[in-house]
Each structure stands twice: as structure tokens, then as C-alpha cells.
């Protein structure tokens, strides 16, 4: 198996990952209050945990319901 065999699976996965990262980063930068943590903490979490985990953690644990 080569990398070429995985490209049809990887391209949509990377696209979804980047879209989720962008939405999460925009939300963090446009809101002032968070359920847990601070803006800096959540930016670090989503940058380090970019493989779906960081953004999902933010929306589950950090997003303040308005």
C-alpha cells in the first residue's frame, strides 16, 4: 500500500479538521467568557489537539452557553 491509496480518505479528513479548527478558533477569539479556562488555555488546547480532540473539547467543556 502506498500513500496514493490513502489520498481519497485523507483529503476530506484534513478538510473537515481544518474547518473545525477555523470555526473553533473564530469562536474563541470572538467570545469573552468561557465555562472553564481562559482564552489562552483554549487556544493552546486546540492548536496542540488539532486532530479533532482540541476543538471537540472546547465545544464540550469550554464554550459558554449564551
Protein backbone atom coordinates (compact mmCIF):
# COMPACT_ATOMS: atom_id res chain seq x y z
CA UNK A 1 0.00 0.00 0.00
CA UNK A 2 1.23 3.45 -0.83
CA UNK A 3 0.24 6.94 0.20
CA UNK A 4 -1.62 7.29 -3.08
CA UNK A 5 -4.09 4.65 -1.89
CA UNK A 6 -5.00 6.74 1.17
CA UNK A 7 -5.40 10.13 -0.55
CA UNK A 8 -9.18 9.76 -1.19
CA UNK A 9 -9.65 9.22 2.54
CA UNK A 10 -7.12 11.77 3.80
CA UNK A 11 -8.18 14.82 1.77
CA UNK A 12 -11.75 15.04 3.18
CA UNK A 13 -10.49 14.23 6.66
CA UNK A 14 -7.94 17.05 6.54
CA UNK A 15 -10.54 19.44 5.12
CA UNK A 16 -13.00 18.69 7.94
CA UNK A 17 -10.22 19.01 10.50
CA UNK A 18 -9.17 22.44 9.22
CA UNK A 19 -12.76 23.69 9.02
CA UNK A 20 -13.43 22.59 12.60
CA UNK A 21 -10.19 24.25 13.72
CA UNK A 22 -11.16 27.51 11.99
CA UNK A 23 -14.67 27.57 13.47
CA UNK A 24 -13.33 26.86 16.94
CA UNK A 25 -10.59 29.48 16.73
CA UNK A 26 -13.07 32.10 15.47
CA UNK A 27 -15.44 31.29 18.33
CA UNK A 28 -12.68 31.55 20.92
CA UNK A 29 -11.46 34.89 19.59
CA UNK A 30 -14.94 36.44 19.39
CA UNK A 31 -16.19 35.47 22.87
CA UNK A 32 -15.00 36.87 26.17
CA UNK A 33 -16.29 34.30 28.66
CA UNK A 34 -15.70 30.57 28.86
CA UNK A 35 -17.26 27.89 31.00
CA UNK A 36 -13.81 26.62 32.05
CA UNK A 37 -10.37 28.07 31.46
CA UNK A 38 -9.24 31.19 29.63
CA UNK A 39 -8.80 32.27 26.04
CA UNK A 40 -5.08 31.43 26.09
CA UNK A 41 -5.71 27.96 27.51
CA UNK A 42 -8.28 27.10 24.85
CA UNK A 43 -6.11 28.38 22.01
CA UNK A 44 -3.27 26.15 23.25
CA UNK A 45 -5.64 23.18 23.57
CA UNK A 46 -6.97 23.48 20.03
CA UNK A 47 -3.55 24.10 18.49
CA UNK A 48 -1.94 21.14 20.25
CA UNK A 49 -5.01 18.93 19.93
CA UNK A 50 -5.82 19.86 16.34
CA UNK A 51 -6.73 16.25 15.45
CA UNK A 52 -10.40 16.79 16.32
CA UNK A 53 -9.77 16.40 20.04
CA UNK A 54 -8.94 20.03 20.87
CA UNK A 55 -11.90 21.64 19.09
CA UNK A 56 -14.31 18.99 20.37
CA UNK A 57 -13.07 19.50 23.94
CA UNK A 58 -13.64 23.24 23.60
CA UNK A 59 -17.22 22.86 22.41
CA UNK A 60 -17.97 20.28 25.12
CA UNK A 61 -16.16 21.86 28.08
CA UNK A 62 -15.24 25.45 27.37
CA UNK A 63 -18.00 27.06 25.34
CA UNK A 64 -20.15 29.35 27.45
CA UNK A 65 -23.85 28.91 26.68
CA UNK A 66 -25.44 32.25 25.98
